[in-house]
C-alpha atoms as a PDB file:
ATOM      1  CA  MET A   1     -46.935  -3.514  71.114  1.00  0.00           C
ATOM      2  CA  GLU A   2     -46.158   0.061  72.009  1.00  0.00           C
ATOM      3  CA  LEU A   3     -42.671   1.093  70.922  1.00  0.00           C
ATOM      4  CA  ILE A   4     -41.935   4.801  70.598  1.00  0.00           C
ATOM      5  CA  GLY A   5     -38.684   5.707  68.865  1.00  0.00           C
ATOM      6  CA  ARG A   6     -37.061   9.123  68.637  1.00  0.00           C
ATOM      7  CA  LEU A   7     -33.621  10.436  67.815  1.00  0.00           C
ATOM      8  CA  ASP A   8     -31.688  11.941  70.683  1.00  0.00           C
ATOM      9  CA  ASN A   9     -28.346  13.736  70.623  1.00  0.00           C
ATOM     10  CA  GLY A  10     -28.351  13.713  66.834  1.00  0.00           C
ATOM     11  CA  ASN A  11     -27.836  10.061  66.013  1.00  0.00           C
ATOM     12  CA  VAL A  12     -28.903   7.895  68.972  1.00  0.00           C
ATOM     13  CA  LEU A  13     -32.238   6.121  68.542  1.00  0.00           C
ATOM     14  CA  VAL A  14     -34.056   5.947  71.875  1.00  0.00           C
ATOM     15  CA  ILE A  15     -36.909   3.444  71.968  1.00  0.00           C
ATOM     16  CA  GLU A  16     -39.388   3.487  74.821  1.00  0.00           C
ATOM     17  CA  LEU A  17     -41.037   0.148  75.495  1.00  0.00           C
ATOM     18  CA  GLY A  18     -44.509   0.952  76.788  1.00  0.00           C
ATOM     19  CA  GLU A  19     -45.440  -2.566  77.922  1.00  0.00           C
ATOM     20  CA  ASP A  20     -45.524  -3.982  81.454  1.00  0.00           C
ATOM     21  CA  ASN A  21     -44.147  -7.348  80.371  1.00  0.00           C
ATOM     22  CA  LEU A  22     -41.740  -8.648  77.773  1.00  0.00           C
ATOM     23  CA  ASP A  23     -42.583 -12.323  77.670  1.00  0.00           C
ATOM     24  CA  ALA A  24     -43.814 -15.174  75.509  1.00  0.00           C
ATOM     25  CA  SER A  25     -47.190 -13.476  75.041  1.00  0.00           C
ATOM     26  CA  ASN A  26     -45.762 -10.491  73.153  1.00  0.00           C
ATOM     27  CA  VAL A  27     -42.170 -11.317  72.176  1.00  0.00           C
ATOM     28  CA  ARG A  28     -42.954 -11.997  68.492  1.00  0.00           C
ATOM     29  CA  GLU A  29     -44.722  -8.641  68.189  1.00  0.00           C
ATOM     30  CA  PHE A  30     -41.792  -6.957  69.980  1.00  0.00           C
ATOM     31  CA  LYS A  31     -39.217  -8.486  67.627  1.00  0.00           C
ATOM     32  CA  ASP A  32     -41.152  -7.429  64.526  1.00  0.00           C
ATOM     33  CA  ALA A  33     -41.680  -3.886  65.800  1.00  0.00           C
ATOM     34  CA  ILE A  34     -38.145  -3.278  67.048  1.00  0.00           C
ATOM     35  CA  GLN A  35     -36.463  -4.732  63.951  1.00  0.00           C
ATOM     36  CA  SER A  36     -38.252  -2.252  61.719  1.00  0.00           C
ATOM     37  CA  LEU A  37     -37.267   0.610  64.058  1.00  0.00           C
ATOM     38  CA  ILE A  38     -33.568  -0.245  64.386  1.00  0.00           C
ATOM     39  CA  GLN A  39     -32.828  -1.362  60.819  1.00  0.00           C
ATOM     40  CA  ASP A  40     -31.270   1.989  59.817  1.00  0.00           C
ATOM     41  CA  HIS A  41     -29.514   2.769  63.105  1.00  0.00           C
ATOM     42  CA  THR A  42     -26.307   1.669  64.813  1.00  0.00           C
ATOM     43  CA  ARG A  43     -26.713   3.405  68.188  1.00  0.00           C
ATOM     44  CA  VAL A  44     -29.818   2.268  70.033  1.00  0.00           C
ATOM     45  CA  VAL A  45     -31.035   2.726  73.610  1.00  0.00           C
ATOM     46  CA  LEU A  46     -34.036   0.763  74.879  1.00  0.00           C
ATOM     47  CA  ASP A  47     -35.823   2.549  77.732  1.00  0.00           C
ATOM     48  CA  MET A  48     -37.361  -0.168  79.929  1.00  0.00           C
ATOM     49  CA  SER A  49     -38.866   2.104  82.597  1.00  0.00           C
ATOM     50  CA  HIS A  50     -42.400   0.687  82.121  1.00  0.00           C
ATOM     51  CA  VAL A  51     -41.343  -2.982  82.103  1.00  0.00           C
ATOM     52  CA  GLN A  52     -42.018  -4.919  85.297  1.00  0.00           C
ATOM     53  CA  PHE A  53     -41.358  -8.482  84.091  1.00  0.00           C
ATOM     54  CA  VAL A  54     -39.096 -10.184  81.533  1.00  0.00           C
ATOM     55  CA  ASP A  55     -39.053 -13.936  80.940  1.00  0.00           C
ATOM     56  CA  SER A  56     -36.562 -16.096  79.029  1.00  0.00           C
ATOM     57  CA  SER A  57     -38.193 -15.418  75.663  1.00  0.00           C
ATOM     58  CA  GLY A  58     -38.002 -11.675  76.380  1.00  0.00           C
ATOM     59  CA  LEU A  59     -34.306 -12.033  77.204  1.00  0.00           C
ATOM     60  CA  GLY A  60     -33.869 -13.936  73.958  1.00  0.00           C
ATOM     61  CA  ALA A  61     -35.490 -11.111  72.002  1.00  0.00           C
ATOM     62  CA  LEU A  62     -33.164  -8.552  73.618  1.00  0.00           C
ATOM     63  CA  ILE A  63     -30.145 -10.736  72.817  1.00  0.00           C
ATOM     64  CA  SER A  64     -31.376 -10.927  69.232  1.00  0.00           C
ATOM     65  CA  CYS A  65     -31.406  -7.101  69.060  1.00  0.00           C
ATOM     66  CA  LEU A  66     -27.908  -6.984  70.533  1.00  0.00           C
ATOM     67  CA  ARG A  67     -26.607  -9.490  67.980  1.00  0.00           C
ATOM     68  CA  MET A  68     -28.251  -7.656  65.091  1.00  0.00           C
ATOM     69  CA  LEU A  69     -26.628  -4.364  66.068  1.00  0.00           C
ATOM     70  CA  ASN A  70     -23.265  -5.955  66.862  1.00  0.00           C
ATOM     71  CA  GLY A  71     -23.342  -7.547  63.408  1.00  0.00           C
ATOM     72  CA  ARG A  72     -23.520  -4.046  61.916  1.00  0.00           C
ATOM     73  CA  ARG A  73     -20.836  -2.710  64.269  1.00  0.00           C
ATOM     74  CA  GLY A  74     -23.538  -0.952  66.249  1.00  0.00           C
ATOM     75  CA  GLU A  75     -24.281  -0.742  69.942  1.00  0.00           C
ATOM     76  CA  PHE A  76     -27.393  -1.595  71.955  1.00  0.00           C
ATOM     77  CA  ARG A  77     -27.887  -0.228  75.463  1.00  0.00           C
ATOM     78  CA  LEU A  78     -30.628  -0.747  78.023  1.00  0.00           C
ATOM     79  CA  CYS A  79     -31.724   1.817  80.591  1.00  0.00           C
ATOM     80  CA  ALA A  80     -34.161   2.678  83.369  1.00  0.00           C
ATOM     81  CA  MET A  81     -34.892  -0.881  84.509  1.00  0.00           C
ATOM     82  CA  SER A  82     -37.084  -1.513  87.527  1.00  0.00           C
ATOM     83  CA  LYS A  83     -35.372  -3.096  90.520  1.00  0.00           C
ATOM     84  CA  THR A  84     -37.003  -6.467  89.861  1.00  0.00           C
ATOM     85  CA  VAL A  85     -35.990  -6.556  86.188  1.00  0.00           C
ATOM     86  CA  ARG A  86     -32.454  -5.438  87.079  1.00  0.00           C
ATOM     87  CA  ALA A  87     -32.270  -8.189  89.723  1.00  0.00           C
ATOM     88  CA  LEU A  88     -33.310 -10.749  87.093  1.00  0.00           C
ATOM     89  CA  PHE A  89     -30.601  -9.521  84.704  1.00  0.00           C
ATOM     90  CA  GLU A  90     -28.013  -9.832  87.467  1.00  0.00           C
ATOM     91  CA  LEU A  91     -29.257 -13.275  88.488  1.00  0.00           C
ATOM     92  CA  MET A  92     -28.994 -14.466  84.887  1.00  0.00           C
ATOM     93  CA  ARG A  93     -25.623 -12.693  84.490  1.00  0.00           C
ATOM     94  CA  MET A  94     -27.103 -10.627  81.655  1.00  0.00           C
ATOM     95  CA  HIS A  95     -25.650  -7.457  83.180  1.00  0.00           C
ATOM     96  CA  ARG A  96     -22.325  -8.763  81.822  1.00  0.00           C
ATOM     97  CA  VAL A  97     -23.750  -9.092  78.315  1.00  0.00           C
ATOM     98  CA  PHE A  98     -25.648  -5.805  78.010  1.00  0.00           C
ATOM     99  CA  ASN A  99     -24.608  -2.223  78.648  1.00  0.00           C
ATOM    100  CA  ILE A 100     -27.162  -1.196  81.288  1.00  0.00           C
ATOM    101  CA  HIS A 101     -27.591   2.372  82.516  1.00  0.00           C
ATOM    102  CA  ASP A 102     -29.728   3.777  85.310  1.00  0.00           C
ATOM    103  CA  ALA A 103     -31.111   6.692  83.286  1.00  0.00           C
ATOM    104  CA  ARG A 104     -31.894   7.371  79.637  1.00  0.00           C
ATOM    105  CA  GLU A 105     -29.687  10.479  79.542  1.00  0.00           C
ATOM    106  CA  GLU A 106     -26.742   8.503  80.915  1.00  0.00           C
ATOM    107  CA  ALA A 107     -27.179   5.814  78.227  1.00  0.00           C
ATOM    108  CA  VAL A 108     -27.321   8.410  75.428  1.00  0.00           C
ATOM    109  CA  ARG A 109     -24.249  10.261  76.773  1.00  0.00           C
ATOM    110  CA  ALA A 110     -22.305   6.992  76.893  1.00  0.00           C
ATOM    111  CA  PHE A 111     -22.219   6.999  73.073  1.00  0.00           C
ATOM    112  CA  ALA A 112     -20.267  10.278  72.991  1.00  0.00           C
END
């Protein structure tokens, strides 16, 4: 699982997901990797620009991240989704659950 995390704008952790899919085949690895990255942060942006497919277990993993951060009074934002992934989120009404931004910079600025 390729997750690259870096601090942006001082205190916003931006994580780039370098996988094509977030599905049952890699969701356990994703959860383990992202939990260790976000454990000390309350402002997190997940850049999904490389992701072309998300299934229900992938959605569940993202909801788990959202709940973890909300439990610590943090915020979790998604950005740079492909059109197909964005369409899936809208179909499943997940665009009402997550803060979704078109670009990484926009998501980071939204914390200001």
